[in-house]
Amino acid sequence: MNRIFKLLVVCCLGSLLGSCDVVVKRMDAKVAETKQEVTQSAPETYESIELPAPLTSVPEQILVRKGYTVSYNKDRRVPNWVAWHLTAAHLKGSVKRSDASFHEDEEVPMPRAIDSDYVRSGYDRGHMCPAGDNKWSAKAMDESFLFTNVCPQAPQLNRGDWNEMEQACRKWAKENGDIYIVCGPIFYKKRAKTIGKNKVAVPDAFFKVVLTMKGNPKAIGFIYKNGDGNRPKGDYANSVDEVERITGIDFFPSLLDKIEKQVEAQCNPDDWNI
């Protein structure tokens, strides 16, 4: 539904209530605010800018957590994507990783992933939104250990290059004040390998896209095979457009079209000091 149609619908409803003029003024103000050009003097944060567009080709259940939002796939028992707004302030908390433990998410239908699915599977319980980004809140830390935020991940990747990328994101959040992140699994084949009695799907690869709105907005994407690897971060770099092509996910759809096209076409590792 486009904005003009929404405006007409709201106006009609307002007319029935005898308050159309007030509704129109409020809608005009909201549209003007949304359409405001993004410049270097723009606000430091943008409401829900990290959320991708709704998915139609796979099952999707949206779960809103304190520290992140997840699109959950009930068929694969893993997320389609996990998105969060990482601020410098979130990195200063005192909550410890050891205060939490992995646990099933009772908000999703059964069968669902449980701890025993990962035992002796050969795969780590790989966080999508990492525990290290949730030290600012005990609730956020606890929710980061829900299995709806976890994928089977090769130990070499989880403890190596993926961990290094998580650390890089924290560095960028400190440098920029905040960043917007979306990550998740990639499945190249229709039928995926599974682990455990609940048949948790094992991804072929993982993606991560990162956006900063500080100064001139910029974004970058990364794709990691779910296996061995010990390479520089720049070797995994891609444009967000390329990650969209591979995953079928539309990232940062709430950006103005001009800004979205510009930042998503770029792949400049030097801009991120990698």
C-alpha atoms as a PDB file:
ATOM      1  CA  MET A   1       0.000   0.000   0.000  1.00  0.00           C
ATOM      2  CA  ASN A   2       1.626   3.301  -1.044  1.00  0.00           C
ATOM      3  CA  ARG A   3       1.710   6.367   1.158  1.00  0.00           C
ATOM      4  CA  ILE A   4      -0.861   8.326  -0.880  1.00  0.00           C
ATOM      5  CA  PHE A   5      -3.390   5.496  -0.621  1.00  0.00           C
ATOM      6  CA  LYS A   6      -2.742   5.224   3.130  1.00  0.00           C
ATOM      7  CA  LEU A   7      -3.328   8.974   3.434  1.00  0.00           C
ATOM      8  CA  LEU A   8      -6.655   8.746   1.606  1.00  0.00           C
ATOM      9  CA  VAL A   9      -7.821   5.828   3.780  1.00  0.00           C
ATOM     10  CA  VAL A  10      -6.893   7.606   6.993  1.00  0.00           C
ATOM     11  CA  CYS A  11      -8.490  10.812   5.772  1.00  0.00           C
ATOM     12  CA  CYS A  12     -11.770   9.023   5.071  1.00  0.00           C
ATOM     13  CA  LEU A  13     -11.747   7.422   8.481  1.00  0.00           C
ATOM     14  CA  GLY A  14     -10.983  10.787  10.021  1.00  0.00           C
ATOM     15  CA  SER A  15     -13.909  12.314   8.139  1.00  0.00           C
ATOM     16  CA  LEU A  16     -16.259   9.772   9.655  1.00  0.00           C
ATOM     17  CA  LEU A  17     -15.034  10.812  13.044  1.00  0.00           C
ATOM     18  CA  GLY A  18     -15.266  14.508  12.208  1.00  0.00           C
ATOM     19  CA  SER A  19     -11.519  15.057  12.508  1.00  0.00           C
ATOM     20  CA  CYS A  20     -10.167  14.787   8.964  1.00  0.00           C
ATOM     21  CA  ASP A  21      -8.215  18.049   9.128  1.00  0.00           C
ATOM     22  CA  VAL A  22      -6.305  16.879  12.201  1.00  0.00           C
ATOM     23  CA  VAL A  23      -5.546  13.494  10.630  1.00  0.00           C
ATOM     24  CA  VAL A  24      -4.302  15.044   7.399  1.00  0.00           C
ATOM     25  CA  LYS A  25      -2.030  17.444   9.252  1.00  0.00           C
ATOM     26  CA  ARG A  26      -0.573  14.605  11.280  1.00  0.00           C
ATOM     27  CA  MET A  27      -0.077  12.432   8.193  1.00  0.00           C
ATOM     28  CA  ASP A  28       1.502  15.311   6.257  1.00  0.00           C
ATOM     29  CA  ALA A  29       3.950  15.836   9.114  1.00  0.00           C
ATOM     30  CA  LYS A  30       4.765  12.116   9.238  1.00  0.00           C
ATOM     31  CA  VAL A  31       5.316  11.863   5.480  1.00  0.00           C
ATOM     32  CA  ALA A  32       7.504  14.970   5.511  1.00  0.00           C
ATOM     33  CA  GLU A  33       9.553  13.519   8.341  1.00  0.00           C
ATOM     34  CA  THR A  34       9.969  10.172   6.555  1.00  0.00           C
ATOM     35  CA  LYS A  35      10.943  11.802   3.287  1.00  0.00           C
ATOM     36  CA  GLN A  36      13.503  14.092   4.881  1.00  0.00           C
ATOM     37  CA  GLU A  37      16.763  13.930   2.969  1.00  0.00           C
ATOM     38  CA  VAL A  38      19.552  12.080   4.782  1.00  0.00           C
ATOM     39  CA  THR A  39      22.518  14.404   5.228  1.00  0.00           C
ATOM     40  CA  GLN A  40      25.543  14.691   7.472  1.00  0.00           C
ATOM     41  CA  SER A  41      23.437  16.576   9.966  1.00  0.00           C
ATOM     42  CA  ALA A  42      20.734  13.861  10.036  1.00  0.00           C
ATOM     43  CA  PRO A  43      19.663  12.257  13.317  1.00  0.00           C
ATOM     44  CA  GLU A  44      22.059   9.691  14.749  1.00  0.00           C
ATOM     45  CA  THR A  45      19.513   6.847  14.844  1.00  0.00           C
ATOM     46  CA  TYR A  46      16.687   5.727  12.598  1.00  0.00           C
ATOM     47  CA  GLU A  47      13.710   3.719  13.810  1.00  0.00           C
ATOM     48  CA  SER A  48      13.849   0.033  12.752  1.00  0.00           C
ATOM     49  CA  ILE A  49      16.069   0.787   9.771  1.00  0.00           C
ATOM     50  CA  GLU A  50      17.799  -2.578  10.221  1.00  0.00           C
ATOM     51  CA  LEU A  51      14.664  -4.629   9.453  1.00  0.00           C
ATOM     52  CA  PRO A  52      14.541  -6.327   6.024  1.00  0.00           C
ATOM     53  CA  ALA A  53      11.412  -6.472   3.910  1.00  0.00           C
ATOM     54  CA  PRO A  54       8.917  -9.290   4.651  1.00  0.00           C
ATOM     55  CA  LEU A  55       9.740 -12.668   3.098  1.00  0.00           C
ATOM     56  CA  THR A  56       7.245 -14.544   0.945  1.00  0.00           C
ATOM     57  CA  SER A  57       9.265 -17.478  -0.421  1.00  0.00           C
ATOM     58  CA  VAL A  58       9.970 -19.153   2.957  1.00  0.00           C
ATOM     59  CA  PRO A  59       8.111 -19.486   6.286  1.00  0.00           C
ATOM     60  CA  GLU A  60       8.565 -16.425   8.461  1.00  0.00           C
ATOM     61  CA  GLN A  61       7.661 -15.771  12.086  1.00  0.00           C
ATOM     62  CA  ILE A  62       8.835 -12.400  13.393  1.00  0.00           C
ATOM     63  CA  LEU A  63      10.085 -12.432  16.992  1.00  0.00           C
ATOM     64  CA  VAL A  64      10.960  -9.120  18.637  1.00  0.00           C
ATOM     65  CA  ARG A  65      13.560  -9.422  21.386  1.00  0.00           C
ATOM     66  CA  LYS A  66      15.122  -6.819  23.619  1.00  0.00           C
ATOM     67  CA  GLY A  67      18.402  -6.775  21.701  1.00  0.00           C
ATOM     68  CA  TYR A  68      17.406  -7.940  18.221  1.00  0.00           C
ATOM     69  CA  THR A  69      14.596  -8.993  15.866  1.00  0.00           C
ATOM     70  CA  VAL A  70      14.503 -12.427  14.229  1.00  0.00           C
ATOM     71  CA  SER A  71      12.717 -13.842  11.202  1.00  0.00           C
ATOM     72  CA  TYR A  72      12.276 -17.503  12.139  1.00  0.00           C
ATOM     73  CA  ASN A  73      11.881 -20.420   9.704  1.00  0.00           C
ATOM     74  CA  LYS A  74       9.826 -23.223  11.285  1.00  0.00           C
ATOM     75  CA  ASP A  75      10.724 -25.695   8.527  1.00  0.00           C
ATOM     76  CA  ARG A  76      14.468 -25.336   9.008  1.00  0.00           C
ATOM     77  CA  ARG A  77      14.373 -24.641  12.799  1.00  0.00           C
ATOM     78  CA  VAL A  78      16.792 -21.729  12.303  1.00  0.00           C
ATOM     79  CA  PRO A  79      16.380 -18.011  11.577  1.00  0.00           C
ATOM     80  CA  ASN A  80      16.020 -16.607   8.084  1.00  0.00           C
ATOM     81  CA  TRP A  81      17.717 -13.470   9.392  1.00  0.00           C
ATOM     82  CA  VAL A  82      18.509 -11.679  12.644  1.00  0.00           C
ATOM     83  CA  ALA A  83      18.709  -7.874  12.724  1.00  0.00           C
ATOM     84  CA  TRP A  84      19.849  -5.457  15.406  1.00  0.00           C
ATOM     85  CA  HIS A  85      20.930  -1.897  16.066  1.00  0.00           C
ATOM     86  CA  LEU A  86      24.320  -1.958  17.766  1.00  0.00           C
ATOM     87  CA  THR A  87      25.292   1.191  19.648  1.00  0.00           C
ATOM     88  CA  ALA A  88      28.534   2.069  21.385  1.00  0.00           C
ATOM     89  CA  ALA A  89      26.600   2.176  24.677  1.00  0.00           C
ATOM     90  CA  HIS A  90      25.590  -1.489  24.251  1.00  0.00           C
ATOM     91  CA  LEU A  91      29.242  -2.474  24.441  1.00  0.00           C
ATOM     92  CA  LYS A  92      29.788  -0.997  27.919  1.00  0.00           C
ATOM     93  CA  GLY A  93      27.531  -3.309  29.949  1.00  0.00           C
ATOM     94  CA  SER A  94      28.632  -5.526  32.786  1.00  0.00           C
ATOM     95  CA  VAL A  95      26.433  -8.574  32.060  1.00  0.00           C
ATOM     96  CA  LYS A  96      28.590 -11.645  31.469  1.00  0.00           C
ATOM     97  CA  ARG A  97      28.169 -14.377  28.873  1.00  0.00           C
ATOM     98  CA  SER A  98      28.549 -16.943  31.651  1.00  0.00           C
ATOM     99  CA  ASP A  99      25.321 -15.607  33.201  1.00  0.00           C
ATOM    100  CA  ALA A 100      23.276 -17.181  30.365  1.00  0.00           C
ATOM    101  CA  SER A 101      22.917 -20.600  28.721  1.00  0.00           C
ATOM    102  CA  PHE A 102      21.402 -21.917  25.501  1.00  0.00           C
ATOM    103  CA  HIS A 103      17.693 -22.764  25.694  1.00  0.00           C
ATOM    104  CA  GLU A 104      14.759 -23.561  23.423  1.00  0.00           C
ATOM    105  CA  ASP A 105      12.349 -20.868  22.324  1.00  0.00           C
ATOM    106  CA  GLU A 106       8.847 -21.770  23.449  1.00  0.00           C
ATOM    107  CA  GLU A 107       7.309 -19.042  21.273  1.00  0.00           C
ATOM    108  CA  VAL A 108       7.851 -21.098  18.104  1.00  0.00           C
ATOM    109  CA  PRO A 109       5.998 -24.276  17.120  1.00  0.00           C
ATOM    110  CA  MET A 110       7.315 -27.772  17.706  1.00  0.00           C
ATOM    111  CA  PRO A 111       9.430 -29.431  16.510  1.00  0.00           C
ATOM    112  CA  ARG A 112      12.046 -26.832  17.395  1.00  0.00           C
ATOM    113  CA  ALA A 113      15.766 -26.840  18.144  1.00  0.00           C
ATOM    114  CA  ILE A 114      16.913 -27.965  21.582  1.00  0.00           C
ATOM    115  CA  ASP A 115      20.356 -28.358  23.091  1.00  0.00           C
ATOM    116  CA  SER A 116      20.630 -32.087  22.461  1.00  0.00           C
ATOM    117  CA  ASP A 117      20.291 -31.512  18.702  1.00  0.00           C
ATOM    118  CA  TYR A 118      23.758 -29.967  18.762  1.00  0.00           C
ATOM    119  CA  VAL A 119      25.441 -32.500  21.075  1.00  0.00           C
ATOM    120  CA  ARG A 120      28.100 -34.509  19.192  1.00  0.00           C
ATOM    121  CA  SER A 121      26.820 -33.050  15.906  1.00  0.00           C
ATOM    122  CA  GLY A 122      30.190 -31.673  14.877  1.00  0.00           C
ATOM    123  CA  TYR A 123      28.731 -28.145  14.802  1.00  0.00           C
ATOM    124  CA  ASP A 124      28.883 -25.254  17.243  1.00  0.00           C
ATOM    125  CA  ARG A 125      25.787 -23.443  18.456  1.00  0.00           C
ATOM    126  CA  GLY A 126      26.579 -20.329  16.441  1.00  0.00           C
ATOM    127  CA  HIS A 127      25.043 -17.061  17.624  1.00  0.00           C
ATOM    128  CA  MET A 128      23.683 -14.791  14.933  1.00  0.00           C
ATOM    129  CA  CYS A 129      23.284 -11.744  17.206  1.00  0.00           C
ATOM    130  CA  PRO A 130      26.325 -12.402  19.417  1.00  0.00           C
ATOM    131  CA  ALA A 131      26.358 -12.490  23.190  1.00  0.00           C
ATOM    132  CA  GLY A 132      29.093  -9.848  23.141  1.00  0.00           C
ATOM    133  CA  ASP A 133      26.630  -7.326  21.668  1.00  0.00           C
ATOM    134  CA  ASN A 134      24.184  -7.833  24.538  1.00  0.00           C
ATOM    135  CA  LYS A 135      26.236  -7.096  27.659  1.00  0.00           C
ATOM    136  CA  TRP A 136      24.090  -4.013  28.308  1.00  0.00           C
ATOM    137  CA  SER A 137      21.071  -6.002  29.561  1.00  0.00           C
ATOM    138  CA  ALA A 138      20.574  -9.290  31.416  1.00  0.00           C
ATOM    139  CA  LYS A 139      17.373  -9.904  29.439  1.00  0.00           C
ATOM    140  CA  ALA A 140      19.081  -9.142  26.133  1.00  0.00           C
ATOM    141  CA  MET A 141      21.936 -11.485  27.051  1.00  0.00           C
ATOM    142  CA  ASP A 142      19.546 -14.282  28.027  1.00  0.00           C
ATOM    143  CA  GLU A 143      17.528 -13.909  24.820  1.00  0.00           C
ATOM    144  CA  SER A 144      20.674 -14.045  22.699  1.00  0.00           C
ATOM    145  CA  PHE A 145      20.991 -17.690  23.821  1.00  0.00           C
ATOM    146  CA  LEU A 146      17.586 -18.706  22.443  1.00  0.00           C
ATOM    147  CA  PHE A 147      17.937 -21.312  19.711  1.00  0.00           C
ATOM    148  CA  THR A 148      15.921 -19.079  17.370  1.00  0.00           C
ATOM    149  CA  ASN A 149      19.076 -16.897  17.338  1.00  0.00           C
ATOM    150  CA  VAL A 150      21.372 -19.851  16.654  1.00  0.00           C
ATOM    151  CA  CYS A 151      22.516 -21.896  13.646  1.00  0.00           C
ATOM    152  CA  PRO A 152      24.727 -24.988  13.322  1.00  0.00           C
ATOM    153  CA  GLN A 153      28.096 -23.450  12.539  1.00  0.00           C
ATOM    154  CA  ALA A 154      31.424 -25.073  11.732  1.00  0.00           C
ATOM    155  CA  PRO A 155      33.697 -24.695  14.795  1.00  0.00           C
ATOM    156  CA  GLN A 156      36.526 -23.267  12.688  1.00  0.00           C
ATOM    157  CA  LEU A 157      34.238 -20.524  11.406  1.00  0.00           C
ATOM    158  CA  ASN A 158      32.421 -19.775  14.673  1.00  0.00           C
ATOM    159  CA  ARG A 159      35.638 -19.450  16.671  1.00  0.00           C
ATOM    160  CA  GLY A 160      37.680 -17.932  13.858  1.00  0.00           C
ATOM    161  CA  ASP A 161      36.705 -15.622  11.008  1.00  0.00           C
ATOM    162  CA  TRP A 162      33.063 -15.193  12.114  1.00  0.00           C
ATOM    163  CA  ASN A 163      34.234 -14.169  15.576  1.00  0.00           C
ATOM    164  CA  GLU A 164      36.686 -11.722  14.027  1.00  0.00           C
ATOM    165  CA  MET A 165      33.845 -10.135  12.040  1.00  0.00           C
ATOM    166  CA  GLU A 166      31.778  -9.774  15.232  1.00  0.00           C
ATOM    167  CA  GLN A 167      34.713  -7.963  16.818  1.00  0.00           C
ATOM    168  CA  ALA A 168      35.044  -5.730  13.756  1.00  0.00           C
ATOM    169  CA  CYS A 169      31.373  -4.766  14.046  1.00  0.00           C
ATOM    170  CA  ARG A 170      31.922  -3.714  17.667  1.00  0.00           C
ATOM    171  CA  LYS A 171      34.860  -1.605  16.570  1.00  0.00           C
ATOM    172  CA  TRP A 172      32.724   0.071  13.890  1.00  0.00           C
ATOM    173  CA  ALA A 173      29.952   0.709  16.421  1.00  0.00           C
ATOM    174  CA  LYS A 174      32.443   2.470  18.700  1.00  0.00           C
ATOM    175  CA  GLU A 175      33.878   4.528  15.845  1.00  0.00           C
ATOM    176  CA  ASN A 176      30.507   5.547  14.396  1.00  0.00           C
ATOM    177  CA  GLY A 177      28.405   5.636  17.547  1.00  0.00           C
ATOM    178  CA  ASP A 178      26.086   2.983  16.153  1.00  0.00           C
ATOM    179  CA  ILE A 179      25.613   0.608  13.211  1.00  0.00           C
ATOM    180  CA  TYR A 180      22.816  -1.548  11.807  1.00  0.00           C
ATOM    181  CA  ILE A 181      23.462  -5.263  11.264  1.00  0.00           C
ATOM    182  CA  VAL A 182      21.598  -8.131   9.625  1.00  0.00           C
ATOM    183  CA  CYS A 183      22.986 -11.645   9.420  1.00  0.00           C
ATOM    184  CA  GLY A 184      21.780 -15.180   8.875  1.00  0.00           C
ATOM    185  CA  PRO A 185      22.194 -18.483   7.080  1.00  0.00           C
ATOM    186  CA  ILE A 186      22.413 -19.209   3.364  1.00  0.00           C
ATOM    187  CA  PHE A 187      21.050 -22.413   1.841  1.00  0.00           C
ATOM    188  CA  TYR A 188      22.141 -23.119  -1.715  1.00  0.00           C
ATOM    189  CA  LYS A 189      20.199 -26.383  -2.060  1.00  0.00           C
ATOM    190  CA  LYS A 190      16.527 -27.115  -1.508  1.00  0.00           C
ATOM    191  CA  ARG A 191      17.272 -30.041   0.797  1.00  0.00           C
ATOM    192  CA  ALA A 192      19.756 -29.229   3.546  1.00  0.00           C
ATOM    193  CA  LYS A 193      21.747 -31.506   5.814  1.00  0.00           C
ATOM    194  CA  THR A 194      20.197 -31.671   9.286  1.00  0.00           C
ATOM    195  CA  ILE A 195      21.333 -32.444  12.822  1.00  0.00           C
ATOM    196  CA  GLY A 196      19.526 -33.891  15.839  1.00  0.00           C
ATOM    197  CA  LYS A 197      16.145 -35.508  16.292  1.00  0.00           C
ATOM    198  CA  ASN A 198      14.469 -32.172  15.474  1.00  0.00           C
ATOM    199  CA  LYS A 199      16.264 -31.995  12.120  1.00  0.00           C
ATOM    200  CA  VAL A 200      17.864 -28.582  12.492  1.00  0.00           C
ATOM    201  CA  ALA A 201      19.057 -27.454   9.058  1.00  0.00           C
ATOM    202  CA  VAL A 202      22.786 -26.905   8.550  1.00  0.00           C
ATOM    203  CA  PRO A 203      23.518 -23.773   6.457  1.00  0.00           C
ATOM    204  CA  ASP A 204      25.876 -23.903   3.489  1.00  0.00           C
ATOM    205  CA  ALA A 205      27.102 -20.381   4.269  1.00  0.00           C
ATOM    206  CA  PHE A 206      26.336 -17.241   6.263  1.00  0.00           C
ATOM    207  CA  PHE A 207      25.832 -13.595   5.355  1.00  0.00           C
ATOM    208  CA  LYS A 208      26.238 -10.357   7.236  1.00  0.00           C
ATOM    209  CA  VAL A 209      25.400  -6.835   6.067  1.00  0.00           C
ATOM    210  CA  VAL A 210      26.375  -3.688   7.949  1.00  0.00           C
ATOM    211  CA  LEU A 211      25.113  -0.110   7.553  1.00  0.00           C
ATOM    212  CA  THR A 212      26.232   3.143   9.139  1.00  0.00           C
ATOM    213  CA  MET A 213      24.360   6.422   8.741  1.00  0.00           C
ATOM    214  CA  LYS A 214      27.111   8.577  10.227  1.00  0.00           C
ATOM    215  CA  GLY A 215      28.375  11.213   7.815  1.00  0.00           C
ATOM    216  CA  ASN A 216      27.893   9.843   4.316  1.00  0.00           C
ATOM    217  CA  PRO A 217      25.862   6.625   4.694  1.00  0.00           C
ATOM    218  CA  LYS A 218      27.692   3.464   3.672  1.00  0.00           C
ATOM    219  CA  ALA A 219      27.093  -0.269   3.761  1.00  0.00           C
ATOM    220  CA  ILE A 220      28.977  -3.481   3.090  1.00  0.00           C
ATOM    221  CA  GLY A 221      28.165  -7.180   2.939  1.00  0.00           C
ATOM    222  CA  PHE A 222      30.040 -10.390   3.747  1.00  0.00           C
ATOM    223  CA  ILE A 223      29.551 -14.051   2.828  1.00  0.00           C
ATOM    224  CA  TYR A 224      31.248 -16.905   4.691  1.00  0.00           C
ATOM    225  CA  LYS A 225      31.196 -20.591   3.749  1.00  0.00           C
ATOM    226  CA  ASN A 226      30.177 -22.790   6.666  1.00  0.00           C
ATOM    227  CA  GLY A 227      33.519 -24.535   6.967  1.00  0.00           C
ATOM    228  CA  ASP A 228      37.225 -24.025   7.330  1.00  0.00           C
ATOM    229  CA  GLY A 229      38.692 -20.613   6.666  1.00  0.00           C
ATOM    230  CA  ASN A 230      41.374 -18.306   7.906  1.00  0.00           C
ATOM    231  CA  ARG A 231      41.397 -15.367   5.554  1.00  0.00           C
ATOM    232  CA  PRO A 232      41.404 -11.571   5.747  1.00  0.00           C
ATOM    233  CA  LYS A 233      37.977  -9.988   6.233  1.00  0.00           C
ATOM    234  CA  GLY A 234      38.251  -8.248   2.871  1.00  0.00           C
ATOM    235  CA  ASP A 235      38.215 -11.640   1.118  1.00  0.00           C
ATOM    236  CA  TYR A 236      34.627 -12.153   2.281  1.00  0.00           C
ATOM    237  CA  ALA A 237      33.433  -8.667   1.325  1.00  0.00           C
ATOM    238  CA  ASN A 238      30.592  -8.142  -1.134  1.00  0.00           C
ATOM    239  CA  SER A 239      28.162  -5.391  -1.971  1.00  0.00           C
ATOM    240  CA  VAL A 240      24.809  -5.540  -0.219  1.00  0.00           C
ATOM    241  CA  ASP A 241      23.253  -5.892  -3.680  1.00  0.00           C
ATOM    242  CA  GLU A 242      25.207  -9.115  -4.181  1.00  0.00           C
ATOM    243  CA  VAL A 243      24.114 -10.472  -0.795  1.00  0.00           C
ATOM    244  CA  GLU A 244      20.527  -9.628  -1.737  1.00  0.00           C
ATOM    245  CA  ARG A 245      20.909 -11.516  -5.014  1.00  0.00           C
ATOM    246  CA  ILE A 246      22.191 -14.622  -3.229  1.00  0.00           C
ATOM    247  CA  THR A 247      19.758 -14.598  -0.297  1.00  0.00           C
ATOM    248  CA  GLY A 248      16.636 -13.138  -1.884  1.00  0.00           C
ATOM    249  CA  ILE A 249      16.334 -10.734   1.064  1.00  0.00           C
ATOM    250  CA  ASP A 250      15.668  -7.007   0.593  1.00  0.00           C
ATOM    251  CA  PHE A 251      17.855  -5.196   3.125  1.00  0.00           C
ATOM    252  CA  PHE A 252      17.281  -1.701   4.520  1.00  0.00           C
ATOM    253  CA  PRO A 253      14.039  -1.109   2.567  1.00  0.00           C
ATOM    254  CA  SER A 254      13.074   1.877   4.725  1.00  0.00           C
ATOM    255  CA  LEU A 255      15.971   3.945   3.391  1.00  0.00           C
ATOM    256  CA  LEU A 256      15.160   6.560   0.797  1.00  0.00           C
ATOM    257  CA  ASP A 257      15.489   4.883  -2.615  1.00  0.00           C
ATOM    258  CA  LYS A 258      18.368   7.150  -3.643  1.00  0.00           C
ATOM    259  CA  ILE A 259      20.346   6.345  -0.498  1.00  0.00           C
ATOM    260  CA  GLU A 260      19.523   2.641  -0.632  1.00  0.00           C
ATOM    261  CA  LYS A 261      20.673   2.255  -4.235  1.00  0.00           C
ATOM    262  CA  GLN A 262      23.880   4.128  -3.545  1.00  0.00           C
ATOM    263  CA  VAL A 263      25.009   2.311  -0.411  1.00  0.00           C
ATOM    264  CA  GLU A 264      23.919  -1.156  -1.513  1.00  0.00           C
ATOM    265  CA  ALA A 265      25.865  -0.993  -4.769  1.00  0.00           C
ATOM    266  CA  GLN A 266      29.150  -0.267  -2.972  1.00  0.00           C
ATOM    267  CA  CYS A 267      31.816  -2.710  -1.864  1.00  0.00           C
ATOM    268  CA  ASN A 268      34.692  -0.650  -0.515  1.00  0.00           C
ATOM    269  CA  PRO A 269      36.613  -2.539   2.197  1.00  0.00           C
ATOM    270  CA  ASP A 270      39.037   0.379   2.498  1.00  0.00           C
ATOM    271  CA  ASP A 271      36.161   2.564   3.770  1.00  0.00           C
ATOM    272  CA  TRP A 272      35.858   0.137   6.701  1.00  0.00           C
ATOM    273  CA  ASN A 273      39.612  -0.232   7.270  1.00  0.00           C
ATOM    274  CA  ILE A 274      39.695  -3.889   6.310  1.00  0.00           C
END
